C-alpha atoms as a PDB file:
ATOM      1  CA  UNK A   1      -7.609 -21.331  10.221  1.00  0.00           C
ATOM      2  CA  UNK A   2      -8.550 -24.931   9.415  1.00  0.00           C
ATOM      3  CA  UNK A   3     -10.197 -27.256  11.869  1.00  0.00           C
ATOM      4  CA  UNK A   4     -10.258 -30.981  11.501  1.00  0.00           C
ATOM      5  CA  UNK A   5     -13.820 -32.256  11.436  1.00  0.00           C
ATOM      6  CA  UNK A   6     -14.637 -35.433  13.376  1.00  0.00           C
ATOM      7  CA  UNK A   7     -16.057 -38.392  11.463  1.00  0.00           C
ATOM      8  CA  UNK A   8     -19.829 -38.607  11.481  1.00  0.00           C
ATOM      9  CA  UNK A   9     -20.488 -42.279  10.869  1.00  0.00           C
ATOM     10  CA  UNK A  10     -21.599 -42.993  14.430  1.00  0.00           C
ATOM     11  CA  UNK A  11     -23.639 -39.808  14.670  1.00  0.00           C
ATOM     12  CA  UNK A  12     -25.414 -40.444  11.398  1.00  0.00           C
ATOM     13  CA  UNK A  13     -26.097 -44.070  12.263  1.00  0.00           C
ATOM     14  CA  UNK A  14     -27.735 -43.203  15.582  1.00  0.00           C
ATOM     15  CA  UNK A  15     -29.791 -40.363  14.129  1.00  0.00           C
ATOM     16  CA  UNK A  16     -31.103 -42.385  11.227  1.00  0.00           C
ATOM     17  CA  UNK A  17     -31.980 -45.400  13.345  1.00  0.00           C
ATOM     18  CA  UNK A  18     -33.934 -43.090  15.627  1.00  0.00           C
ATOM     19  CA  UNK A  19     -35.821 -41.902  12.563  1.00  0.00           C
ATOM     20  CA  UNK A  20     -36.442 -45.457  11.397  1.00  0.00           C
ATOM     21  CA  UNK A  21     -37.765 -46.532  14.763  1.00  0.00           C
ATOM     22  CA  UNK A  22     -40.287 -43.703  14.600  1.00  0.00           C
ATOM     23  CA  UNK A  23     -42.081 -45.515  11.811  1.00  0.00           C
ATOM     24  CA  UNK A  24     -43.513 -47.899  14.410  1.00  0.00           C
ATOM     25  CA  UNK A  25     -45.154 -45.090  16.360  1.00  0.00           C
ATOM     26  CA  UNK A  26     -48.268 -43.084  15.613  1.00  0.00           C
ATOM     27  CA  UNK A  27     -48.577 -41.622  12.120  1.00  0.00           C
ATOM     28  CA  UNK A  28     -50.862 -38.892  10.739  1.00  0.00           C
ATOM     29  CA  UNK A  29     -54.272 -40.274   9.763  1.00  0.00           C
ATOM     30  CA  UNK A  30     -57.432 -39.460   7.829  1.00  0.00           C
ATOM     31  CA  UNK A  31     -61.180 -39.662   8.357  1.00  0.00           C
ATOM     32  CA  UNK A  32     -64.127 -41.154   6.465  1.00  0.00           C
ATOM     33  CA  UNK A  33     -67.716 -40.135   7.136  1.00  0.00           C
ATOM     34  CA  UNK A  34     -71.040 -40.048   5.354  1.00  0.00           C
ATOM     35  CA  UNK A  35     -74.746 -40.776   5.364  1.00  0.00           C
ATOM     36  CA  UNK A  36     -76.649 -43.966   4.492  1.00  0.00           C
ATOM     37  CA  UNK A  37     -80.206 -43.772   3.125  1.00  0.00           C
ATOM     38  CA  UNK A  38     -82.712 -46.152   1.552  1.00  0.00           C
ATOM     39  CA  UNK A  39     -84.339 -45.873  -1.869  1.00  0.00           C
ATOM     40  CA  UNK A  40     -86.776 -43.228  -0.553  1.00  0.00           C
ATOM     41  CA  UNK A  41     -83.868 -41.171   0.874  1.00  0.00           C
ATOM     42  CA  UNK A  42     -84.852 -42.040   4.461  1.00  0.00           C
ATOM     43  CA  UNK A  43     -81.857 -42.410   6.813  1.00  0.00           C
ATOM     44  CA  UNK A  44     -80.844 -45.944   7.726  1.00  0.00           C
ATOM     45  CA  UNK A  45     -79.628 -46.807  11.217  1.00  0.00           C
ATOM     46  CA  UNK A  46     -77.501 -49.763  12.312  1.00  0.00           C
ATOM     47  CA  UNK A  47     -75.864 -50.288   8.909  1.00  0.00           C
ATOM     48  CA  UNK A  48     -72.336 -51.658   9.127  1.00  0.00           C
ATOM     49  CA  UNK A  49     -69.704 -49.792   7.149  1.00  0.00           C
ATOM     50  CA  UNK A  50     -66.448 -51.577   6.354  1.00  0.00           C
ATOM     51  CA  UNK A  51     -63.278 -49.706   5.346  1.00  0.00           C
ATOM     52  CA  UNK A  52     -60.763 -52.150   3.856  1.00  0.00           C
ATOM     53  CA  UNK A  53     -57.274 -50.845   3.102  1.00  0.00           C
ATOM     54  CA  UNK A  54     -55.978 -52.042  -0.273  1.00  0.00           C
ATOM     55  CA  UNK A  55     -52.314 -52.161   0.778  1.00  0.00           C
ATOM     56  CA  UNK A  56     -50.217 -54.409   3.004  1.00  0.00           C
ATOM     57  CA  UNK A  57     -51.126 -55.089   5.700  1.00  0.00           C
ATOM     58  CA  UNK A  58     -54.794 -55.265   4.555  1.00  0.00           C
ATOM     59  CA  UNK A  59     -56.276 -53.510   7.586  1.00  0.00           C
ATOM     60  CA  UNK A  60     -60.026 -53.259   8.126  1.00  0.00           C
ATOM     61  CA  UNK A  61     -62.027 -50.753  10.143  1.00  0.00           C
ATOM     62  CA  UNK A  62     -65.720 -50.838  11.007  1.00  0.00           C
ATOM     63  CA  UNK A  63     -68.386 -48.269  11.847  1.00  0.00           C
ATOM     64  CA  UNK A  64     -72.175 -48.381  12.319  1.00  0.00           C
ATOM     65  CA  UNK A  65     -74.639 -45.711  11.238  1.00  0.00           C
ATOM     66  CA  UNK A  66     -76.676 -43.871  13.885  1.00  0.00           C
ATOM     67  CA  UNK A  67     -80.395 -43.041  13.865  1.00  0.00           C
ATOM     68  CA  UNK A  68     -79.706 -40.196  11.434  1.00  0.00           C
ATOM     69  CA  UNK A  69     -78.034 -42.593   9.047  1.00  0.00           C
ATOM     70  CA  UNK A  70     -74.645 -41.008   9.754  1.00  0.00           C
ATOM     71  CA  UNK A  71     -71.364 -42.768  10.442  1.00  0.00           C
ATOM     72  CA  UNK A  72     -67.768 -41.695  10.980  1.00  0.00           C
ATOM     73  CA  UNK A  73     -64.413 -43.459  11.311  1.00  0.00           C
ATOM     74  CA  UNK A  74     -61.315 -41.583  12.453  1.00  0.00           C
ATOM     75  CA  UNK A  75     -57.680 -42.735  12.681  1.00  0.00           C
ATOM     76  CA  UNK A  76     -57.411 -44.258   9.199  1.00  0.00           C
ATOM     77  CA  UNK A  77     -53.872 -44.640   7.810  1.00  0.00           C
ATOM     78  CA  UNK A  78     -53.574 -42.940   4.400  1.00  0.00           C
ATOM     79  CA  UNK A  79     -54.012 -45.050   1.293  1.00  0.00           C
ATOM     80  CA  UNK A  80     -56.578 -46.652  -1.032  1.00  0.00           C
ATOM     81  CA  UNK A  81     -59.678 -48.233   0.519  1.00  0.00           C
ATOM     82  CA  UNK A  82     -62.798 -50.091  -0.458  1.00  0.00           C
ATOM     83  CA  UNK A  83     -65.597 -48.616   1.639  1.00  0.00           C
ATOM     84  CA  UNK A  84     -68.740 -50.750   1.818  1.00  0.00           C
ATOM     85  CA  UNK A  85     -72.130 -50.408   3.501  1.00  0.00           C
ATOM     86  CA  UNK A  86     -74.265 -53.496   4.029  1.00  0.00           C
ATOM     87  CA  UNK A  87     -77.334 -54.608   5.943  1.00  0.00           C
ATOM     88  CA  UNK A  88     -79.310 -57.791   5.535  1.00  0.00           C
ATOM     89  CA  UNK A  89     -82.298 -57.245   3.271  1.00  0.00           C
ATOM     90  CA  UNK A  90     -81.005 -53.917   1.971  1.00  0.00           C
ATOM     91  CA  UNK A  91     -78.059 -55.032  -0.108  1.00  0.00           C
ATOM     92  CA  UNK A  92     -74.496 -53.827  -0.293  1.00  0.00           C
ATOM     93  CA  UNK A  93     -72.781 -50.886  -1.982  1.00  0.00           C
ATOM     94  CA  UNK A  94     -69.029 -50.344  -2.361  1.00  0.00           C
ATOM     95  CA  UNK A  95     -66.874 -47.380  -3.364  1.00  0.00           C
ATOM     96  CA  UNK A  96     -63.140 -47.024  -4.031  1.00  0.00           C
ATOM     97  CA  UNK A  97     -61.812 -44.182  -1.881  1.00  0.00           C
ATOM     98  CA  UNK A  98     -58.366 -42.724  -1.218  1.00  0.00           C
ATOM     99  CA  UNK A  99     -57.853 -41.569   2.356  1.00  0.00           C
ATOM    100  CA  UNK A 100     -55.395 -38.672   2.676  1.00  0.00           C
ATOM    101  CA  UNK A 101     -53.458 -37.273   5.616  1.00  0.00           C
ATOM    102  CA  UNK A 102     -55.469 -34.918   7.781  1.00  0.00           C
ATOM    103  CA  UNK A 103     -58.402 -34.858   5.342  1.00  0.00           C
ATOM    104  CA  UNK A 104     -62.024 -36.013   5.430  1.00  0.00           C
ATOM    105  CA  UNK A 105     -63.381 -38.312   2.738  1.00  0.00           C
ATOM    106  CA  UNK A 106     -67.155 -38.091   2.280  1.00  0.00           C
ATOM    107  CA  UNK A 107     -68.731 -41.418   1.250  1.00  0.00           C
ATOM    108  CA  UNK A 108     -72.521 -41.580   1.057  1.00  0.00           C
ATOM    109  CA  UNK A 109     -74.605 -44.699   0.376  1.00  0.00           C
ATOM    110  CA  UNK A 110     -78.057 -45.408  -1.020  1.00  0.00           C
ATOM    111  CA  UNK A 111     -79.040 -48.999  -0.378  1.00  0.00           C
ATOM    112  CA  UNK A 112     -81.744 -50.511  -2.583  1.00  0.00           C
ATOM    113  CA  UNK A 113     -82.967 -54.083  -1.948  1.00  0.00           C
ATOM    114  CA  UNK A 114     -82.155 -56.486  -4.751  1.00  0.00           C
ATOM    115  CA  UNK A 115     -79.532 -54.295  -6.451  1.00  0.00           C
ATOM    116  CA  UNK A 116     -76.613 -55.892  -4.658  1.00  0.00           C
ATOM    117  CA  UNK A 117     -76.068 -59.176  -2.849  1.00  0.00           C
ATOM    118  CA  UNK A 118     -76.219 -59.495   0.908  1.00  0.00           C
ATOM    119  CA  UNK A 119     -75.661 -62.556   3.053  1.00  0.00           C
ATOM    120  CA  UNK A 120     -76.949 -63.345   6.488  1.00  0.00           C
ATOM    121  CA  UNK A 121     -73.514 -64.290   7.768  1.00  0.00           C
ATOM    122  CA  UNK A 122     -70.152 -62.518   7.623  1.00  0.00           C
ATOM    123  CA  UNK A 123     -68.434 -63.466   4.347  1.00  0.00           C
ATOM    124  CA  UNK A 124     -65.263 -61.701   5.488  1.00  0.00           C
ATOM    125  CA  UNK A 125     -64.856 -63.547   8.773  1.00  0.00           C
ATOM    126  CA  UNK A 126     -61.888 -65.596   7.575  1.00  0.00           C
ATOM    127  CA  UNK A 127     -60.101 -62.526   6.209  1.00  0.00           C
ATOM    128  CA  UNK A 128     -60.825 -60.586   9.382  1.00  0.00           C
ATOM    129  CA  UNK A 129     -59.283 -63.359  11.488  1.00  0.00           C
ATOM    130  CA  UNK A 130     -56.225 -63.375   9.230  1.00  0.00           C
ATOM    131  CA  UNK A 131     -55.868 -59.613   9.525  1.00  0.00           C
ATOM    132  CA  UNK A 132     -56.189 -59.776  13.296  1.00  0.00           C
ATOM    133  CA  UNK A 133     -53.467 -62.432  13.493  1.00  0.00           C
ATOM    134  CA  UNK A 134     -51.222 -60.345  11.257  1.00  0.00           C
ATOM    135  CA  UNK A 135     -51.801 -57.221  13.338  1.00  0.00           C
ATOM    136  CA  UNK A 136     -51.106 -59.076  16.592  1.00  0.00           C
ATOM    137  CA  UNK A 137     -47.815 -60.475  15.296  1.00  0.00           C
ATOM    138  CA  UNK A 138     -46.733 -57.100  13.892  1.00  0.00           C
ATOM    139  CA  UNK A 139     -47.644 -55.247  17.098  1.00  0.00           C
ATOM    140  CA  UNK A 140     -45.755 -57.839  19.147  1.00  0.00           C
ATOM    141  CA  UNK A 141     -42.731 -57.175  16.965  1.00  0.00           C
ATOM    142  CA  UNK A 142     -43.038 -53.436  17.568  1.00  0.00           C
ATOM    143  CA  UNK A 143     -43.268 -53.928  21.328  1.00  0.00           C
ATOM    144  CA  UNK A 144     -40.234 -56.230  21.357  1.00  0.00           C
ATOM    145  CA  UNK A 145     -38.276 -53.697  19.304  1.00  0.00           C
ATOM    146  CA  UNK A 146     -39.159 -50.874  21.676  1.00  0.00           C
ATOM    147  CA  UNK A 147     -38.015 -53.019  24.589  1.00  0.00           C
ATOM    148  CA  UNK A 148     -34.676 -53.668  22.885  1.00  0.00           C
ATOM    149  CA  UNK A 149     -35.406 -57.374  22.364  1.00  0.00           C
ATOM    150  CA  UNK A 150     -34.190 -57.351  18.791  1.00  0.00           C
ATOM    151  CA  UNK A 151     -34.094 -61.119  18.227  1.00  0.00           C
ATOM    152  CA  UNK A 152     -37.649 -61.489  19.534  1.00  0.00           C
ATOM    153  CA  UNK A 153     -38.761 -58.626  17.314  1.00  0.00           C
ATOM    154  CA  UNK A 154     -37.275 -60.281  14.237  1.00  0.00           C
ATOM    155  CA  UNK A 155     -39.114 -63.510  15.092  1.00  0.00           C
ATOM    156  CA  UNK A 156     -42.450 -61.714  15.481  1.00  0.00           C
ATOM    157  CA  UNK A 157     -42.105 -59.806  12.229  1.00  0.00           C
ATOM    158  CA  UNK A 158     -41.238 -63.165  10.669  1.00  0.00           C
ATOM    159  CA  UNK A 159     -44.521 -64.572  11.991  1.00  0.00           C
ATOM    160  CA  UNK A 160     -46.328 -61.685  10.328  1.00  0.00           C
ATOM    161  CA  UNK A 161     -44.569 -62.541   7.071  1.00  0.00           C
ATOM    162  CA  UNK A 162     -45.799 -66.119   7.350  1.00  0.00           C
ATOM    163  CA  UNK A 163     -49.324 -64.693   7.281  1.00  0.00           C
ATOM    164  CA  UNK A 164     -48.642 -62.067   4.598  1.00  0.00           C
ATOM    165  CA  UNK A 165     -45.462 -62.730   2.565  1.00  0.00           C
ATOM    166  CA  UNK A 166     -45.803 -59.358   0.786  1.00  0.00           C
ATOM    167  CA  UNK A 167     -45.639 -57.302   3.999  1.00  0.00           C
ATOM    168  CA  UNK A 168     -42.921 -54.826   3.047  1.00  0.00           C
ATOM    169  CA  UNK A 169     -43.197 -53.101   6.448  1.00  0.00           C
ATOM    170  CA  UNK A 170     -42.322 -56.430   8.063  1.00  0.00           C
ATOM    171  CA  UNK A 171     -39.141 -56.755   6.013  1.00  0.00           C
ATOM    172  CA  UNK A 172     -38.274 -53.135   6.754  1.00  0.00           C
ATOM    173  CA  UNK A 173     -38.562 -53.625  10.507  1.00  0.00           C
ATOM    174  CA  UNK A 174     -36.571 -56.848  10.306  1.00  0.00           C
ATOM    175  CA  UNK A 175     -33.869 -54.820   8.572  1.00  0.00           C
ATOM    176  CA  UNK A 176     -33.920 -52.233  11.356  1.00  0.00           C
ATOM    177  CA  UNK A 177     -33.574 -54.905  14.030  1.00  0.00           C
ATOM    178  CA  UNK A 178     -30.681 -56.599  12.230  1.00  0.00           C
ATOM    179  CA  UNK A 179     -29.057 -53.168  11.924  1.00  0.00           C
ATOM    180  CA  UNK A 180     -29.309 -52.718  15.677  1.00  0.00           C
ATOM    181  CA  UNK A 181     -27.535 -56.072  16.060  1.00  0.00           C
ATOM    182  CA  UNK A 182     -24.941 -54.968  13.475  1.00  0.00           C
ATOM    183  CA  UNK A 183     -25.894 -57.967  11.341  1.00  0.00           C
ATOM    184  CA  UNK A 184     -25.459 -55.890   8.211  1.00  0.00           C
ATOM    185  CA  UNK A 185     -25.745 -58.639   5.597  1.00  0.00           C
ATOM    186  CA  UNK A 186     -29.091 -59.742   6.998  1.00  0.00           C
ATOM    187  CA  UNK A 187     -30.228 -56.128   7.309  1.00  0.00           C
ATOM    188  CA  UNK A 188     -29.290 -55.398   3.700  1.00  0.00           C
ATOM    189  CA  UNK A 189     -31.203 -58.449   2.478  1.00  0.00           C
ATOM    190  CA  UNK A 190     -34.318 -57.430   4.445  1.00  0.00           C
ATOM    191  CA  UNK A 191     -34.284 -53.819   3.246  1.00  0.00           C
ATOM    192  CA  UNK A 192     -33.776 -54.983  -0.332  1.00  0.00           C
ATOM    193  CA  UNK A 193     -36.688 -57.395  -0.030  1.00  0.00           C
ATOM    194  CA  UNK A 194     -38.898 -54.532   1.174  1.00  0.00           C
ATOM    195  CA  UNK A 195     -37.868 -52.536  -1.899  1.00  0.00           C
ATOM    196  CA  UNK A 196     -38.541 -55.485  -4.196  1.00  0.00           C
ATOM    197  CA  UNK A 197     -42.114 -55.528  -2.889  1.00  0.00           C
ATOM    198  CA  UNK A 198     -42.572 -51.733  -2.686  1.00  0.00           C
ATOM    199  CA  UNK A 199     -40.101 -50.041  -5.089  1.00  0.00           C
ATOM    200  CA  UNK A 200     -40.902 -46.490  -3.870  1.00  0.00           C
ATOM    201  CA  UNK A 201     -40.409 -47.332  -0.176  1.00  0.00           C
ATOM    202  CA  UNK A 202     -38.222 -44.409   0.932  1.00  0.00           C
ATOM    203  CA  UNK A 203     -37.644 -45.750   4.442  1.00  0.00           C
ATOM    204  CA  UNK A 204     -36.070 -48.955   3.113  1.00  0.00           C
ATOM    205  CA  UNK A 205     -33.623 -46.944   1.008  1.00  0.00           C
ATOM    206  CA  UNK A 206     -32.803 -44.968   4.143  1.00  0.00           C
ATOM    207  CA  UNK A 207     -32.125 -48.241   5.922  1.00  0.00           C
ATOM    208  CA  UNK A 208     -29.720 -49.286   3.178  1.00  0.00           C
ATOM    209  CA  UNK A 209     -28.003 -45.889   3.298  1.00  0.00           C
ATOM    210  CA  UNK A 210     -27.572 -46.259   7.048  1.00  0.00           C
ATOM    211  CA  UNK A 211     -25.915 -49.674   6.974  1.00  0.00           C
ATOM    212  CA  UNK A 212     -23.756 -48.765   3.970  1.00  0.00           C
ATOM    213  CA  UNK A 213     -22.628 -45.623   5.773  1.00  0.00           C
ATOM    214  CA  UNK A 214     -21.720 -47.561   8.911  1.00  0.00           C
ATOM    215  CA  UNK A 215     -19.619 -49.926   6.775  1.00  0.00           C
ATOM    216  CA  UNK A 216     -17.972 -46.992   4.978  1.00  0.00           C
ATOM    217  CA  UNK A 217     -19.484 -48.057   1.660  1.00  0.00           C
ATOM    218  CA  UNK A 218     -20.012 -44.406   0.916  1.00  0.00           C
ATOM    219  CA  UNK A 219     -20.793 -44.550  -2.806  1.00  0.00           C
ATOM    220  CA  UNK A 220     -23.545 -47.100  -2.207  1.00  0.00           C
ATOM    221  CA  UNK A 221     -24.782 -45.108   0.776  1.00  0.00           C
ATOM    222  CA  UNK A 222     -24.986 -41.973  -1.346  1.00  0.00           C
ATOM    223  CA  UNK A 223     -26.937 -43.780  -4.081  1.00  0.00           C
ATOM    224  CA  UNK A 224     -29.390 -45.281  -1.586  1.00  0.00           C
ATOM    225  CA  UNK A 225     -29.834 -41.950   0.164  1.00  0.00           C
ATOM    226  CA  UNK A 226     -30.551 -40.260  -3.144  1.00  0.00           C
ATOM    227  CA  UNK A 227     -33.315 -42.794  -3.790  1.00  0.00           C
ATOM    228  CA  UNK A 228     -34.704 -42.175  -0.300  1.00  0.00           C
ATOM    229  CA  UNK A 229     -34.754 -38.443  -0.972  1.00  0.00           C
ATOM    230  CA  UNK A 230     -36.393 -38.936  -4.370  1.00  0.00           C
ATOM    231  CA  UNK A 231     -39.257 -40.948  -2.954  1.00  0.00           C
ATOM    232  CA  UNK A 232     -39.544 -38.799   0.177  1.00  0.00           C
ATOM    233  CA  UNK A 233     -40.079 -35.659  -1.898  1.00  0.00           C
ATOM    234  CA  UNK A 234     -42.265 -37.292  -4.558  1.00  0.00           C
ATOM    235  CA  UNK A 235     -45.985 -37.932  -4.384  1.00  0.00           C
ATOM    236  CA  UNK A 236     -45.562 -41.339  -2.776  1.00  0.00           C
ATOM    237  CA  UNK A 237     -43.235 -39.953  -0.147  1.00  0.00           C
ATOM    238  CA  UNK A 238     -45.508 -37.059   0.710  1.00  0.00           C
ATOM    239  CA  UNK A 239     -48.471 -39.418   1.052  1.00  0.00           C
ATOM    240  CA  UNK A 240     -46.597 -41.482   3.589  1.00  0.00           C
ATOM    241  CA  UNK A 241     -45.389 -38.462   5.521  1.00  0.00           C
ATOM    242  CA  UNK A 242     -41.970 -38.191   3.835  1.00  0.00           C
ATOM    243  CA  UNK A 243     -39.598 -35.517   5.177  1.00  0.00           C
ATOM    244  CA  UNK A 244     -37.543 -33.955   2.345  1.00  0.00           C
ATOM    245  CA  UNK A 245     -35.410 -31.904   4.752  1.00  0.00           C
ATOM    246  CA  UNK A 246     -34.355 -34.968   6.736  1.00  0.00           C
ATOM    247  CA  UNK A 247     -33.811 -37.029   3.601  1.00  0.00           C
ATOM    248  CA  UNK A 248     -31.543 -34.362   2.127  1.00  0.00           C
ATOM    249  CA  UNK A 249     -29.694 -34.013   5.429  1.00  0.00           C
ATOM    250  CA  UNK A 250     -28.955 -37.741   5.353  1.00  0.00           C
ATOM    251  CA  UNK A 251     -27.457 -37.280   1.899  1.00  0.00           C
ATOM    252  CA  UNK A 252     -25.285 -34.458   3.227  1.00  0.00           C
ATOM    253  CA  UNK A 253     -23.980 -36.575   6.089  1.00  0.00           C
ATOM    254  CA  UNK A 254     -23.052 -39.408   3.739  1.00  0.00           C
ATOM    255  CA  UNK A 255     -21.221 -37.003   1.422  1.00  0.00           C
ATOM    256  CA  UNK A 256     -19.361 -35.536   4.404  1.00  0.00           C
ATOM    257  CA  UNK A 257     -18.316 -38.978   5.592  1.00  0.00           C
ATOM    258  CA  UNK A 258     -16.999 -39.634   2.081  1.00  0.00           C
ATOM    259  CA  UNK A 259     -14.890 -36.433   2.401  1.00  0.00           C
ATOM    260  CA  UNK A 260     -16.934 -34.736  -0.337  1.00  0.00           C
ATOM    261  CA  UNK A 261     -17.227 -31.525   1.646  1.00  0.00           C
ATOM    262  CA  UNK A 262     -18.278 -29.093  -1.136  1.00  0.00           C
ATOM    263  CA  UNK A 263     -21.055 -31.464  -2.210  1.00  0.00           C
ATOM    264  CA  UNK A 264     -22.105 -31.949   1.418  1.00  0.00           C
ATOM    265  CA  UNK A 265     -22.188 -28.182   1.918  1.00  0.00           C
ATOM    266  CA  UNK A 266     -24.475 -27.772  -1.098  1.00  0.00           C
ATOM    267  CA  UNK A 267     -26.826 -30.408   0.287  1.00  0.00           C
ATOM    268  CA  UNK A 268     -26.864 -28.746   3.707  1.00  0.00           C
ATOM    269  CA  UNK A 269     -27.827 -25.466   2.072  1.00  0.00           C
ATOM    270  CA  UNK A 270     -30.591 -27.332   0.248  1.00  0.00           C
ATOM    271  CA  UNK A 271     -31.877 -28.655   3.576  1.00  0.00           C
ATOM    272  CA  UNK A 272     -32.418 -25.078   4.736  1.00  0.00           C
ATOM    273  CA  UNK A 273     -34.609 -24.391   1.703  1.00  0.00           C
ATOM    274  CA  UNK A 274     -36.930 -27.110   3.037  1.00  0.00           C
ATOM    275  CA  UNK A 275     -36.578 -26.216   6.708  1.00  0.00           C
ATOM    276  CA  UNK A 276     -34.814 -23.000   7.713  1.00  0.00           C
ATOM    277  CA  UNK A 277     -34.852 -24.112  11.367  1.00  0.00           C
ATOM    278  CA  UNK A 278     -32.966 -27.383  10.850  1.00  0.00           C
ATOM    279  CA  UNK A 279     -30.413 -26.957  13.638  1.00  0.00           C
ATOM    280  CA  UNK A 280     -27.860 -29.607  12.693  1.00  0.00           C
ATOM    281  CA  UNK A 281     -27.586 -28.266   9.156  1.00  0.00           C
ATOM    282  CA  UNK A 282     -26.515 -24.923  10.625  1.00  0.00           C
ATOM    283  CA  UNK A 283     -23.907 -26.698  12.724  1.00  0.00           C
ATOM    284  CA  UNK A 284     -22.396 -28.601   9.805  1.00  0.00           C
ATOM    285  CA  UNK A 285     -22.509 -25.546   7.551  1.00  0.00           C
ATOM    286  CA  UNK A 286     -20.596 -23.767  10.294  1.00  0.00           C
ATOM    287  CA  UNK A 287     -17.981 -26.521  10.216  1.00  0.00           C
ATOM    288  CA  UNK A 288     -17.817 -26.398   6.418  1.00  0.00           C
ATOM    289  CA  UNK A 289     -17.278 -22.643   6.369  1.00  0.00           C
ATOM    290  CA  UNK A 290     -14.762 -22.940   9.197  1.00  0.00           C
ATOM    291  CA  UNK A 291     -12.762 -25.427   7.127  1.00  0.00           C
ATOM    292  CA  UNK A 292     -12.863 -22.990   4.194  1.00  0.00           C
ATOM    293  CA  UNK A 293     -11.565 -20.164   6.382  1.00  0.00           C
ATOM    294  CA  UNK A 294     -14.793 -18.150   6.187  1.00  0.00           C
ATOM    295  CA  UNK A 295     -14.910 -17.339   9.880  1.00  0.00           C
ATOM    296  CA  UNK A 296     -17.684 -14.755   9.668  1.00  0.00           C
ATOM    297  CA  UNK A 297     -20.150 -17.094   7.983  1.00  0.00           C
ATOM    298  CA  UNK A 298     -19.089 -19.958  10.254  1.00  0.00           C
ATOM    299  CA  UNK A 299     -19.762 -17.836  13.340  1.00  0.00           C
ATOM    300  CA  UNK A 300     -23.191 -16.878  11.988  1.00  0.00           C
ATOM    301  CA  UNK A 301     -24.097 -20.522  11.409  1.00  0.00           C
ATOM    302  CA  UNK A 302     -22.844 -21.570  14.844  1.00  0.00           C
ATOM    303  CA  UNK A 303     -24.797 -18.802  16.568  1.00  0.00           C
ATOM    304  CA  UNK A 304     -27.944 -19.855  14.744  1.00  0.00           C
ATOM    305  CA  UNK A 305     -27.340 -23.458  15.815  1.00  0.00           C
ATOM    306  CA  UNK A 306     -27.127 -22.443  19.492  1.00  0.00           C
ATOM    307  CA  UNK A 307     -30.301 -20.395  19.080  1.00  0.00           C
ATOM    308  CA  UNK A 308     -32.193 -23.317  17.535  1.00  0.00           C
ATOM    309  CA  UNK A 309     -30.773 -26.055  19.777  1.00  0.00           C
ATOM    310  CA  UNK A 310     -29.681 -24.562  23.108  1.00  0.00           C
ATOM    311  CA  UNK A 311     -29.398 -28.065  24.558  1.00  0.00           C
ATOM    312  CA  UNK A 312     -28.019 -29.662  21.387  1.00  0.00           C
ATOM    313  CA  UNK A 313     -25.213 -32.218  21.414  1.00  0.00           C
ATOM    314  CA  UNK A 314     -22.720 -29.794  19.822  1.00  0.00           C
ATOM    315  CA  UNK A 315     -23.479 -26.713  21.933  1.00  0.00           C
ATOM    316  CA  UNK A 316     -20.404 -26.872  24.168  1.00  0.00           C
ATOM    317  CA  UNK A 317     -18.134 -27.480  21.187  1.00  0.00           C
ATOM    318  CA  UNK A 318     -19.729 -24.588  19.300  1.00  0.00           C
ATOM    319  CA  UNK A 319     -19.326 -22.197  22.178  1.00  0.00           C
ATOM    320  CA  UNK A 320     -15.665 -23.071  22.372  1.00  0.00           C
ATOM    321  CA  UNK A 321     -15.223 -22.414  18.644  1.00  0.00           C
ATOM    322  CA  UNK A 322     -17.127 -19.119  18.850  1.00  0.00           C
ATOM    323  CA  UNK A 323     -14.838 -17.960  21.653  1.00  0.00           C
ATOM    324  CA  UNK A 324     -11.909 -18.427  19.266  1.00  0.00           C
ATOM    325  CA  UNK A 325     -13.298 -17.100  15.979  1.00  0.00           C
ATOM    326  CA  UNK A 326     -15.330 -14.098  17.119  1.00  0.00           C
ATOM    327  CA  UNK A 327     -13.500 -10.800  17.690  1.00  0.00           C
END
C-alpha cells in the first residue's frame, strides 16, 4: 500500500515562523552576585555595580550593595560582560565575566582608594541614554510584530539600526517581518545581513531556510538549514538556547519537500535521538514507513504520535490511517 504524502511547504513555513517569533519573548537568563569590601576587608554599602554586556545590543544592568556589602542581579541574558564596582572616593574595579544560562557568576570586589580612577559624575551617561533609546526602539518593534503590524515593526527595528548599525537581532527581526509579508527578497537580504554581522547566528540561517523552502528553492533551503543545525548544536548555539532536535526536524522537512524521502527519514530518526518525545517526527516517520509499505512500523509511529499529541493537527488523519492499516 502506498499513500501519497501532502506537500509540507505551508506547514513548515508556519511552524518555523512560530519558532522565529519566539525569539522576541523571554529567554533563559543568568545571575551575578558577590560581595564588595574595602582594603581592610570591611563590607561596603551603597556601591553601584554595573554589568555591561559586550554584545549587541550593549545592554547595561545596575545593582547596589547592601549593608553587608552584598549585591545581586538576576535576569541577565547570557554572554560576555564587564562587571564594575565604583564609589566616589573608593575607586573602581572591573572584571570580565561570562554569564551562562541558569548559572550564578560570583564576582567579588575589593576597592582601594587611589588604585583606580573614580569621577564624581556618571561617565557612562551618554552611553546609557543611547542604550535606552536602542532598547525602546527594539521593544517597540517587538510589540508591533506581536500585534501583526509588520510594516510598523520593520520601521522600529530600522530605528534601532540607526542607533546601532551592527544590531544583528534587528536585521533578523526585519527579516521575519518581511517573511510575514511574503517580501522574500527583502527578507533574504535582512537575514543575510544578520549573518554577515554574526556568522554563527543559527536563527538567521533558519530564516533563510524558511523563505527558500516557501519558494521551493529546496537545495538552498537544505544548505541554510544545515548551517542552522550546525550552529544550534555547537557551543554558540547551546549558549543561545539552540534546539538541536528542532533544527534537525527543519532539515527533515526541507528534504521531504524536495522529495528526498530516504534522507528525510534518516533526519527524522536523528531528531528522536535528541528528543524521543518529538511528536511530529513520529508522524512523519509513520508516513515514510507507510510509503515504503512497512505497515507495522508505520502503525507504531502513528500510535506514538497520538499518545504524544492527542490534540495534534494530524490526529484525525492518523486515526483514519490506523483504522485501515491495523488488523
